[in-house]
Amino acid sequence: MMFAYPFLEPVDANSSPELRDYYKIIPKPMDLGTLQENLQAGLYRTIDLFVADVRLLFANCYRFHGADAEIAKVIFFFSFSLSKTSSQQSTARAKTRDRV
């Protein structure tokens, strides 16, 4: 969970000069706290909608920090893991559909 702390809450653009333009660069922010709130509120009707918001969080990180930033490298690891899991779930769903 150590690597998650920058993503736990919405970005506070006033907390640092480097973040001042965050909301100009990132038109649709996403963070883990918002993901959790949306999940608890039942806003994700499918796993695909949830995964889309997780991917949005990843994409925002890459866009704002650049792919060479340390934080983006951490996100790349999680993104790869999510892609692998999503692919496995899609394959499982397809097999289930084929049986029906």
PDB file of N, CA and C in Angstrom:
ATOM      1  N   MET A   1       0.826  -1.196   0.000  1.00  0.00           N
ATOM      2  CA  MET A   1       0.000   0.000   0.000  1.00  0.00           C
ATOM      3  C   MET A   1       0.866   1.254   0.000  1.00  0.00           C
ATOM      4  N   MET A   2       2.165   1.073   0.191  1.00  0.00           N
ATOM      5  CA  MET A   2       3.078   2.200   0.248  1.00  0.00           C
ATOM      6  C   MET A   2       3.035   3.037  -1.035  1.00  0.00           C
ATOM      7  N   PHE A   3       2.895   2.384  -2.181  1.00  0.00           N
ATOM      8  CA  PHE A   3       2.909   3.099  -3.446  1.00  0.00           C
ATOM      9  C   PHE A   3       1.564   3.746  -3.768  1.00  0.00           C
ATOM     10  N   ALA A   4       0.537   3.407  -3.021  1.00  0.00           N
ATOM     11  CA  ALA A   4      -0.804   3.915  -3.302  1.00  0.00           C
ATOM     12  C   ALA A   4      -1.058   5.307  -2.736  1.00  0.00           C
ATOM     13  N   TYR A   5      -0.254   5.740  -1.779  1.00  0.00           N
ATOM     14  CA  TYR A   5      -0.585   6.985  -1.070  1.00  0.00           C
ATOM     15  C   TYR A   5      -0.802   8.200  -1.975  1.00  0.00           C
ATOM     16  N   PRO A   6      -0.084   8.369  -3.099  1.00  0.00           N
ATOM     17  CA  PRO A   6      -0.368   9.553  -3.926  1.00  0.00           C
ATOM     18  C   PRO A   6      -1.740   9.502  -4.598  1.00  0.00           C
ATOM     19  N   PHE A   7      -2.364   8.329  -4.595  1.00  0.00           N
ATOM     20  CA  PHE A   7      -3.612   8.141  -5.327  1.00  0.00           C
ATOM     21  C   PHE A   7      -4.818   7.949  -4.414  1.00  0.00           C
ATOM     22  N   LEU A   8      -4.630   8.074  -3.109  1.00  0.00           N
ATOM     23  CA  LEU A   8      -5.711   7.787  -2.168  1.00  0.00           C
ATOM     24  C   LEU A   8      -6.817   8.831  -2.184  1.00  0.00           C
ATOM     25  N   GLU A   9      -6.479  10.079  -2.451  1.00  0.00           N
ATOM     26  CA  GLU A   9      -7.454  11.178  -2.423  1.00  0.00           C
ATOM     27  C   GLU A   9      -7.286  12.026  -3.669  1.00  0.00           C
ATOM     28  N   PRO A  10      -8.289  12.862  -3.986  1.00  0.00           N
ATOM     29  CA  PRO A  10      -8.128  13.765  -5.128  1.00  0.00           C
ATOM     30  C   PRO A  10      -6.892  14.652  -4.964  1.00  0.00           C
ATOM     31  N   VAL A  11      -6.293  15.006  -6.066  1.00  0.00           N
ATOM     32  CA  VAL A  11      -5.107  15.866  -6.058  1.00  0.00           C
ATOM     33  C   VAL A  11      -5.469  17.235  -5.488  1.00  0.00           C
ATOM     34  N   ASP A  12      -4.666  17.715  -4.572  1.00  0.00           N
ATOM     35  CA  ASP A  12      -4.815  19.069  -4.031  1.00  0.00           C
ATOM     36  C   ASP A  12      -3.836  19.961  -4.792  1.00  0.00           C
ATOM     37  N   ALA A  13      -4.335  20.644  -5.795  1.00  0.00           N
ATOM     38  CA  ALA A  13      -3.483  21.460  -6.658  1.00  0.00           C
ATOM     39  C   ALA A  13      -2.816  22.605  -5.907  1.00  0.00           C
ATOM     40  N   ASN A  14      -3.319  22.949  -4.746  1.00  0.00           N
ATOM     41  CA  ASN A  14      -2.728  24.029  -3.952  1.00  0.00           C
ATOM     42  C   ASN A  14      -1.630  23.551  -3.002  1.00  0.00           C
ATOM     43  N   SER A  15      -1.424  22.242  -2.946  1.00  0.00           N
ATOM     44  CA  SER A  15      -0.461  21.705  -1.989  1.00  0.00           C
ATOM     45  C   SER A  15       0.984  21.834  -2.440  1.00  0.00           C
ATOM     46  N   SER A  16       1.197  22.089  -3.727  1.00  0.00           N
ATOM     47  CA  SER A  16       2.554  22.144  -4.250  1.00  0.00           C
ATOM     48  C   SER A  16       2.568  22.927  -5.557  1.00  0.00           C
ATOM     49  N   PRO A  17       3.603  23.720  -5.780  1.00  0.00           N
ATOM     50  CA  PRO A  17       3.681  24.471  -7.049  1.00  0.00           C
ATOM     51  C   PRO A  17       3.679  23.557  -8.280  1.00  0.00           C
ATOM     52  N   GLU A  18       4.229  22.344  -8.140  1.00  0.00           N
ATOM     53  CA  GLU A  18       4.264  21.413  -9.263  1.00  0.00           C
ATOM     54  C   GLU A  18       2.870  20.937  -9.669  1.00  0.00           C
ATOM     55  N   LEU A  19       1.923  21.029  -8.753  1.00  0.00           N
ATOM     56  CA  LEU A  19       0.565  20.546  -9.021  1.00  0.00           C
ATOM     57  C   LEU A  19      -0.394  21.652  -9.445  1.00  0.00           C
ATOM     58  N   ARG A  20       0.081  22.874  -9.482  1.00  0.00           N
ATOM     59  CA  ARG A  20      -0.774  24.032  -9.750  1.00  0.00           C
ATOM     60  C   ARG A  20      -1.640  23.866 -11.008  1.00  0.00           C
ATOM     61  N   ASP A  21      -1.073  23.290 -12.073  1.00  0.00           N
ATOM     62  CA  ASP A  21      -1.794  23.161 -13.340  1.00  0.00           C
ATOM     63  C   ASP A  21      -2.462  21.801 -13.517  1.00  0.00           C
ATOM     64  N   TYR A  22      -2.524  21.027 -12.463  1.00  0.00           N
ATOM     65  CA  TYR A  22      -3.044  19.657 -12.588  1.00  0.00           C
ATOM     66  C   TYR A  22      -4.411  19.621 -13.267  1.00  0.00           C
ATOM     67  N   TYR A  23      -5.337  20.437 -12.806  1.00  0.00           N
ATOM     68  CA  TYR A  23      -6.704  20.367 -13.332  1.00  0.00           C
ATOM     69  C   TYR A  23      -6.844  21.018 -14.710  1.00  0.00           C
ATOM     70  N   LYS A  24      -5.836  21.740 -15.147  1.00  0.00           N
ATOM     71  CA  LYS A  24      -5.807  22.226 -16.532  1.00  0.00           C
ATOM     72  C   LYS A  24      -5.346  21.116 -17.470  1.00  0.00           C
ATOM     73  N   ILE A  25      -4.460  20.268 -16.977  1.00  0.00           N
ATOM     74  CA  ILE A  25      -3.891  19.182 -17.776  1.00  0.00           C
ATOM     75  C   ILE A  25      -4.780  17.938 -17.730  1.00  0.00           C
ATOM     76  N   ILE A  26      -5.394  17.698 -16.586  1.00  0.00           N
ATOM     77  CA  ILE A  26      -6.207  16.499 -16.372  1.00  0.00           C
ATOM     78  C   ILE A  26      -7.677  16.905 -16.266  1.00  0.00           C
ATOM     79  N   PRO A  27      -8.439  16.762 -17.357  1.00  0.00           N
ATOM     80  CA  PRO A  27      -9.835  17.208 -17.340  1.00  0.00           C
ATOM     81  C   PRO A  27     -10.784  16.312 -16.537  1.00  0.00           C
ATOM     82  N   LYS A  28     -10.427  15.035 -16.388  1.00  0.00           N
ATOM     83  CA  LYS A  28     -11.289  14.110 -15.635  1.00  0.00           C
ATOM     84  C   LYS A  28     -10.436  13.350 -14.613  1.00  0.00           C
ATOM     85  N   PRO A  29     -10.235  13.946 -13.445  1.00  0.00           N
ATOM     86  CA  PRO A  29      -9.393  13.307 -12.434  1.00  0.00           C
ATOM     87  C   PRO A  29     -10.045  12.050 -11.851  1.00  0.00           C
ATOM     88  N   MET A  30      -9.194  11.175 -11.330  1.00  0.00           N
ATOM     89  CA  MET A  30      -9.666   9.962 -10.654  1.00  0.00           C
ATOM     90  C   MET A  30      -8.649   9.596  -9.580  1.00  0.00           C
ATOM     91  N   ASP A  31      -9.136   9.079  -8.466  1.00  0.00           N
ATOM     92  CA  ASP A  31      -8.278   8.644  -7.363  1.00  0.00           C
ATOM     93  C   ASP A  31      -8.915   7.426  -6.715  1.00  0.00           C
ATOM     94  N   LEU A  32      -8.157   6.748  -5.875  1.00  0.00           N
ATOM     95  CA  LEU A  32      -8.654   5.521  -5.250  1.00  0.00           C
ATOM     96  C   LEU A  32      -9.821   5.776  -4.299  1.00  0.00           C
ATOM     97  N   GLY A  33      -9.810   6.916  -3.619  1.00  0.00           N
ATOM     98  CA  GLY A  33     -10.923   7.248  -2.735  1.00  0.00           C
ATOM     99  C   GLY A  33     -12.225   7.404  -3.503  1.00  0.00           C
ATOM    100  N   THR A  34     -12.158   8.069  -4.644  1.00  0.00           N
ATOM    101  CA  THR A  34     -13.343   8.236  -5.482  1.00  0.00           C
ATOM    102  C   THR A  34     -13.797   6.892  -6.039  1.00  0.00           C
ATOM    103  N   LEU A  35     -12.837   6.053  -6.438  1.00  0.00           N
ATOM    104  CA  LEU A  35     -13.186   4.703  -6.897  1.00  0.00           C
ATOM    105  C   LEU A  35     -13.951   3.952  -5.812  1.00  0.00           C
ATOM    106  N   GLN A  36     -13.455   4.022  -4.584  1.00  0.00           N
ATOM    107  CA  GLN A  36     -14.112   3.328  -3.482  1.00  0.00           C
ATOM    108  C   GLN A  36     -15.517   3.884  -3.236  1.00  0.00           C
ATOM    109  N   GLU A  37     -15.645   5.196  -3.246  1.00  0.00           N
ATOM    110  CA  GLU A  37     -16.969   5.816  -3.052  1.00  0.00           C
ATOM    111  C   GLU A  37     -17.940   5.379  -4.146  1.00  0.00           C
ATOM    112  N   ASN A  38     -17.478   5.395  -5.396  1.00  0.00           N
ATOM    113  CA  ASN A  38     -18.327   4.980  -6.522  1.00  0.00           C
ATOM    114  C   ASN A  38     -18.737   3.516  -6.396  1.00  0.00           C
ATOM    115  N   LEU A  39     -17.795   2.689  -5.968  1.00  0.00           N
ATOM    116  CA  LEU A  39     -18.074   1.267  -5.791  1.00  0.00           C
ATOM    117  C   LEU A  39     -19.112   1.054  -4.694  1.00  0.00           C
ATOM    118  N   GLN A  40     -18.930   1.722  -3.567  1.00  0.00           N
ATOM    119  CA  GLN A  40     -19.868   1.584  -2.450  1.00  0.00           C
ATOM    120  C   GLN A  40     -21.246   2.144  -2.788  1.00  0.00           C
ATOM    121  N   ALA A  41     -21.290   3.143  -3.662  1.00  0.00           N
ATOM    122  CA  ALA A  41     -22.564   3.740  -4.059  1.00  0.00           C
ATOM    123  C   ALA A  41     -23.251   2.939  -5.166  1.00  0.00           C
ATOM    124  N   GLY A  42     -22.605   1.883  -5.642  1.00  0.00           N
ATOM    125  CA  GLY A  42     -23.198   1.053  -6.684  1.00  0.00           C
ATOM    126  C   GLY A  42     -23.169   1.676  -8.068  1.00  0.00           C
ATOM    127  N   LEU A  43     -22.236   2.603  -8.282  1.00  0.00           N
ATOM    128  CA  LEU A  43     -22.178   3.290  -9.573  1.00  0.00           C
ATOM    129  C   LEU A  43     -21.551   2.451 -10.678  1.00  0.00           C
ATOM    130  N   TYR A  44     -20.869   1.378 -10.317  1.00  0.00           N
ATOM    131  CA  TYR A  44     -20.260   0.506 -11.319  1.00  0.00           C
ATOM    132  C   TYR A  44     -21.183  -0.688 -11.544  1.00  0.00           C
ATOM    133  N   ARG A  45     -21.914  -0.645 -12.632  1.00  0.00           N
ATOM    134  CA  ARG A  45     -22.862  -1.718 -12.948  1.00  0.00           C
ATOM    135  C   ARG A  45     -22.165  -2.958 -13.501  1.00  0.00           C
ATOM    136  N   THR A  46     -20.953  -2.753 -14.024  1.00  0.00           N
ATOM    137  CA  THR A  46     -20.176  -3.871 -14.571  1.00  0.00           C
ATOM    138  C   THR A  46     -18.723  -3.711 -14.139  1.00  0.00           C
ATOM    139  N   ILE A  47     -17.996  -4.789 -14.186  1.00  0.00           N
ATOM    140  CA  ILE A  47     -16.561  -4.737 -13.875  1.00  0.00           C
ATOM    141  C   ILE A  47     -15.846  -3.854 -14.888  1.00  0.00           C
ATOM    142  N   ASP A  48     -16.340  -3.826 -16.115  1.00  0.00           N
ATOM    143  CA  ASP A  48     -15.699  -3.022 -17.159  1.00  0.00           C
ATOM    144  C   ASP A  48     -15.743  -1.530 -16.838  1.00  0.00           C
ATOM    145  N   LEU A  49     -16.829  -1.063 -16.228  1.00  0.00           N
ATOM    146  CA  LEU A  49     -16.924   0.348 -15.842  1.00  0.00           C
ATOM    147  C   LEU A  49     -15.924   0.673 -14.738  1.00  0.00           C
ATOM    148  N   PHE A  50     -15.782  -0.240 -13.798  1.00  0.00           N
ATOM    149  CA  PHE A  50     -14.797  -0.053 -12.729  1.00  0.00           C
ATOM    150  C   PHE A  50     -13.387  -0.029 -13.305  1.00  0.00           C
ATOM    151  N   VAL A  51     -13.075  -0.984 -14.152  1.00  0.00           N
ATOM    152  CA  VAL A  51     -11.750  -1.065 -14.770  1.00  0.00           C
ATOM    153  C   VAL A  51     -11.465   0.190 -15.593  1.00  0.00           C
ATOM    154  N   ALA A  52     -12.466   0.732 -16.249  1.00  0.00           N
ATOM    155  CA  ALA A  52     -12.279   1.955 -17.036  1.00  0.00           C
ATOM    156  C   ALA A  52     -11.834   3.112 -16.145  1.00  0.00           C
ATOM    157  N   ASP A  53     -12.405   3.229 -14.958  1.00  0.00           N
ATOM    158  CA  ASP A  53     -11.987   4.301 -14.048  1.00  0.00           C
ATOM    159  C   ASP A  53     -10.594   4.055 -13.474  1.00  0.00           C
ATOM    160  N   VAL A  54     -10.259   2.798 -13.233  1.00  0.00           N
ATOM    161  CA  VAL A  54      -8.895   2.491 -12.783  1.00  0.00           C
ATOM    162  C   VAL A  54      -7.904   2.870 -13.884  1.00  0.00           C
ATOM    163  N   ARG A  55      -8.239   2.525 -15.110  1.00  0.00           N
ATOM    164  CA  ARG A  55      -7.364   2.886 -16.233  1.00  0.00           C
ATOM    165  C   ARG A  55      -7.270   4.397 -16.413  1.00  0.00           C
ATOM    166  N   LEU A  56      -8.353   5.106 -16.125  1.00  0.00           N
ATOM    167  CA  LEU A  56      -8.328   6.568 -16.177  1.00  0.00           C
ATOM    168  C   LEU A  56      -7.322   7.103 -15.160  1.00  0.00           C
ATOM    169  N   LEU A  57      -7.319   6.549 -13.971  1.00  0.00           N
ATOM    170  CA  LEU A  57      -6.347   6.948 -12.954  1.00  0.00           C
ATOM    171  C   LEU A  57      -4.926   6.750 -13.489  1.00  0.00           C
ATOM    172  N   PHE A  58      -4.665   5.598 -14.108  1.00  0.00           N
ATOM    173  CA  PHE A  58      -3.347   5.308 -14.679  1.00  0.00           C
ATOM    174  C   PHE A  58      -2.998   6.305 -15.777  1.00  0.00           C
ATOM    175  N   ALA A  59      -3.946   6.533 -16.684  1.00  0.00           N
ATOM    176  CA  ALA A  59      -3.708   7.439 -17.816  1.00  0.00           C
ATOM    177  C   ALA A  59      -3.429   8.858 -17.334  1.00  0.00           C
ATOM    178  N   ASN A  60      -4.149   9.295 -16.307  1.00  0.00           N
ATOM    179  CA  ASN A  60      -3.907  10.627 -15.752  1.00  0.00           C
ATOM    180  C   ASN A  60      -2.494  10.743 -15.195  1.00  0.00           C
ATOM    181  N   CYS A  61      -2.037   9.701 -14.546  1.00  0.00           N
ATOM    182  CA  CYS A  61      -0.684   9.695 -13.984  1.00  0.00           C
ATOM    183  C   CYS A  61       0.351   9.835 -15.101  1.00  0.00           C
ATOM    184  N   TYR A  62       0.202   9.025 -16.145  1.00  0.00           N
ATOM    185  CA  TYR A  62       1.141   9.110 -17.275  1.00  0.00           C
ATOM    186  C   TYR A  62       1.101  10.497 -17.915  1.00  0.00           C
ATOM    187  N   ARG A  63      -0.096  10.994 -18.112  1.00  0.00           N
ATOM    188  CA  ARG A  63      -0.251  12.291 -18.792  1.00  0.00           C
ATOM    189  C   ARG A  63       0.384  13.425 -17.998  1.00  0.00           C
ATOM    190  N   PHE A  64       0.151  13.436 -16.699  1.00  0.00           N
ATOM    191  CA  PHE A  64       0.645  14.540 -15.890  1.00  0.00           C
ATOM    192  C   PHE A  64       2.138  14.432 -15.606  1.00  0.00           C
ATOM    193  N   HIS A  65       2.597  13.238 -15.249  1.00  0.00           N
ATOM    194  CA  HIS A  65       3.987  13.075 -14.814  1.00  0.00           C
ATOM    195  C   HIS A  65       4.943  12.682 -15.924  1.00  0.00           C
ATOM    196  N   GLY A  66       4.434  12.081 -16.986  1.00  0.00           N
ATOM    197  CA  GLY A  66       5.293  11.560 -18.044  1.00  0.00           C
ATOM    198  C   GLY A  66       5.691  10.126 -17.758  1.00  0.00           C
ATOM    199  N   ALA A  67       5.917   9.362 -18.795  1.00  0.00           N
ATOM    200  CA  ALA A  67       6.184   7.929 -18.663  1.00  0.00           C
ATOM    201  C   ALA A  67       7.496   7.627 -17.951  1.00  0.00           C
ATOM    202  N   ASP A  68       8.436   8.554 -17.940  1.00  0.00           N
ATOM    203  CA  ASP A  68       9.739   8.299 -17.322  1.00  0.00           C
ATOM    204  C   ASP A  68       9.778   8.597 -15.821  1.00  0.00           C
ATOM    205  N   ALA A  69       8.729   9.191 -15.293  1.00  0.00           N
ATOM    206  CA  ALA A  69       8.687   9.514 -13.857  1.00  0.00           C
ATOM    207  C   ALA A  69       8.584   8.237 -13.028  1.00  0.00           C
ATOM    208  N   GLU A  70       9.184   8.248 -11.850  1.00  0.00           N
ATOM    209  CA  GLU A  70       9.143   7.073 -10.974  1.00  0.00           C
ATOM    210  C   GLU A  70       7.712   6.635 -10.680  1.00  0.00           C
ATOM    211  N   ILE A  71       6.838   7.591 -10.418  1.00  0.00           N
ATOM    212  CA  ILE A  71       5.451   7.254 -10.087  1.00  0.00           C
ATOM    213  C   ILE A  71       4.762   6.578 -11.268  1.00  0.00           C
ATOM    214  N   ALA A  72       5.108   6.990 -12.473  1.00  0.00           N
ATOM    215  CA  ALA A  72       4.530   6.369 -13.669  1.00  0.00           C
ATOM    216  C   ALA A  72       5.036   4.941 -13.837  1.00  0.00           C
ATOM    217  N   LYS A  73       6.266   4.695 -13.435  1.00  0.00           N
ATOM    218  CA  LYS A  73       6.808   3.329 -13.510  1.00  0.00           C
ATOM    219  C   LYS A  73       6.072   2.407 -12.539  1.00  0.00           C
ATOM    220  N   VAL A  74       5.739   2.921 -11.376  1.00  0.00           N
ATOM    221  CA  VAL A  74       4.957   2.138 -10.412  1.00  0.00           C
ATOM    222  C   VAL A  74       3.579   1.846 -10.994  1.00  0.00           C
ATOM    223  N   ILE A  75       2.956   2.866 -11.553  1.00  0.00           N
ATOM    224  CA  ILE A  75       1.631   2.710 -12.155  1.00  0.00           C
ATOM    225  C   ILE A  75       1.677   1.717 -13.310  1.00  0.00           C
ATOM    226  N   PHE A  76       2.765   1.721 -14.081  1.00  0.00           N
ATOM    227  CA  PHE A  76       2.896   0.780 -15.188  1.00  0.00           C
ATOM    228  C   PHE A  76       2.799  -0.656 -14.675  1.00  0.00           C
ATOM    229  N   PHE A  77       3.433  -0.943 -13.550  1.00  0.00           N
ATOM    230  CA  PHE A  77       3.361  -2.285 -12.968  1.00  0.00           C
ATOM    231  C   PHE A  77       1.916  -2.651 -12.652  1.00  0.00           C
ATOM    232  N   PHE A  78       1.191  -1.758 -11.997  1.00  0.00           N
ATOM    233  CA  PHE A  78      -0.200  -2.037 -11.652  1.00  0.00           C
ATOM    234  C   PHE A  78      -1.073  -2.121 -12.901  1.00  0.00           C
ATOM    235  N   SER A  79      -0.786  -1.291 -13.880  1.00  0.00           N
ATOM    236  CA  SER A  79      -1.531  -1.306 -15.139  1.00  0.00           C
ATOM    237  C   SER A  79      -1.356  -2.647 -15.841  1.00  0.00           C
ATOM    238  N   PHE A  80      -0.125  -3.139 -15.871  1.00  0.00           N
ATOM    239  CA  PHE A  80       0.149  -4.434 -16.485  1.00  0.00           C
ATOM    240  C   PHE A  80      -0.606  -5.533 -15.756  1.00  0.00           C
ATOM    241  N   SER A  81      -0.590  -5.501 -14.432  1.00  0.00           N
ATOM    242  CA  SER A  81      -1.300  -6.507 -13.643  1.00  0.00           C
ATOM    243  C   SER A  81      -2.799  -6.458 -13.902  1.00  0.00           C
ATOM    244  N   LEU A  82      -3.353  -5.259 -13.990  1.00  0.00           N
ATOM    245  CA  LEU A  82      -4.779  -5.101 -14.261  1.00  0.00           C
ATOM    246  C   LEU A  82      -5.116  -5.617 -15.653  1.00  0.00           C
ATOM    247  N   SER A  83      -4.288  -5.314 -16.633  1.00  0.00           N
ATOM    248  CA  SER A  83      -4.537  -5.774 -17.996  1.00  0.00           C
ATOM    249  C   SER A  83      -4.535  -7.294 -18.065  1.00  0.00           C
ATOM    250  N   LYS A  84      -3.604  -7.900 -17.369  1.00  0.00           N
ATOM    251  CA  LYS A  84      -3.512  -9.361 -17.349  1.00  0.00           C
ATOM    252  C   LYS A  84      -4.762  -9.957 -16.704  1.00  0.00           C
ATOM    253  N   THR A  85      -5.194  -9.396 -15.579  1.00  0.00           N
ATOM    254  CA  THR A  85      -6.382  -9.878 -14.883  1.00  0.00           C
ATOM    255  C   THR A  85      -7.631  -9.669 -15.723  1.00  0.00           C
ATOM    256  N   SER A  86      -7.758  -8.493 -16.355  1.00  0.00           N
ATOM    257  CA  SER A  86      -8.920  -8.190 -17.193  1.00  0.00           C
ATOM    258  C   SER A  86      -8.994  -9.145 -18.376  1.00  0.00           C
ATOM    259  N   SER A  87      -7.856  -9.435 -18.955  1.00  0.00           N
ATOM    260  CA  SER A  87      -7.801 -10.352 -20.079  1.00  0.00           C
ATOM    261  C   SER A  87      -8.254 -11.746 -19.671  1.00  0.00           C
ATOM    262  N   GLN A  88      -7.820 -12.187 -18.507  1.00  0.00           N
ATOM    263  CA  GLN A  88      -8.216 -13.500 -18.006  1.00  0.00           C
ATOM    264  C   GLN A  88      -9.720 -13.539 -17.737  1.00  0.00           C
ATOM    265  N   GLN A  89     -10.276 -12.457 -17.189  1.00  0.00           N
ATOM    266  CA  GLN A  89     -11.709 -12.412 -16.913  1.00  0.00           C
ATOM    267  C   GLN A  89     -12.509 -12.388 -18.204  1.00  0.00           C
ATOM    268  N   SER A  90     -12.033 -11.667 -19.209  1.00  0.00           N
ATOM    269  CA  SER A  90     -12.724 -11.618 -20.495  1.00  0.00           C
ATOM    270  C   SER A  90     -12.750 -12.998 -21.137  1.00  0.00           C
ATOM    271  N   THR A  91     -11.645 -13.707 -21.051  1.00  0.00           N
ATOM    272  CA  THR A  91     -11.573 -15.061 -21.594  1.00  0.00           C
ATOM    273  C   THR A  91     -12.546 -15.977 -20.861  1.00  0.00           C
ATOM    274  N   ALA A  92     -12.612 -15.858 -19.546  1.00  0.00           N
ATOM    275  CA  ALA A  92     -13.525 -16.676 -18.749  1.00  0.00           C
ATOM    276  C   ALA A  92     -14.982 -16.363 -19.099  1.00  0.00           C
ATOM    277  N   ARG A  93     -15.312 -15.078 -19.276  1.00  0.00           N
ATOM    278  CA  ARG A  93     -16.678 -14.696 -19.650  1.00  0.00           C
ATOM    279  C   ARG A  93     -17.040 -15.252 -21.019  1.00  0.00           C
ATOM    280  N   ALA A  94     -16.101 -15.192 -21.961  1.00  0.00           N
ATOM    281  CA  ALA A  94     -16.347 -15.703 -23.309  1.00  0.00           C
ATOM    282  C   ALA A  94     -16.590 -17.209 -23.264  1.00  0.00           C
ATOM    283  N   LYS A  95     -15.836 -17.932 -22.472  1.00  0.00           N
ATOM    284  CA  LYS A  95     -16.029 -19.378 -22.358  1.00  0.00           C
ATOM    285  C   LYS A  95     -17.393 -19.681 -21.748  1.00  0.00           C
ATOM    286  N   THR A  96     -17.801 -18.886 -20.777  1.00  0.00           N
ATOM    287  CA  THR A  96     -19.102 -19.086 -20.153  1.00  0.00           C
ATOM    288  C   THR A  96     -20.221 -18.844 -21.162  1.00  0.00           C
ATOM    289  N   ARG A  97     -20.089 -17.788 -21.969  1.00  0.00           N
ATOM    290  CA  ARG A  97     -21.089 -17.486 -23.003  1.00  0.00           C
ATOM    291  C   ARG A  97     -21.175 -18.619 -24.019  1.00  0.00           C
ATOM    292  N   ASP A  98     -20.029 -19.174 -24.373  1.00  0.00           N
ATOM    293  CA  ASP A  98     -19.989 -20.237 -25.373  1.00  0.00           C
ATOM    294  C   ASP A  98     -20.699 -21.501 -24.890  1.00  0.00           C
ATOM    295  N   ARG A  99     -20.710 -21.724 -23.593  1.00  0.00           N
ATOM    296  CA  ARG A  99     -21.351 -22.912 -23.031  1.00  0.00           C
ATOM    297  C   ARG A  99     -22.869 -22.780 -22.967  1.00  0.00           C
ATOM    298  N   VAL A 100     -23.315 -21.542 -22.907  1.00  0.00           N
ATOM    299  CA  VAL A 100     -24.766 -21.297 -22.734  1.00  0.00           C
ATOM    300  C   VAL A 100     -25.513 -21.473 -24.017  1.00  0.00           C
TER     301      VAL A 100
END
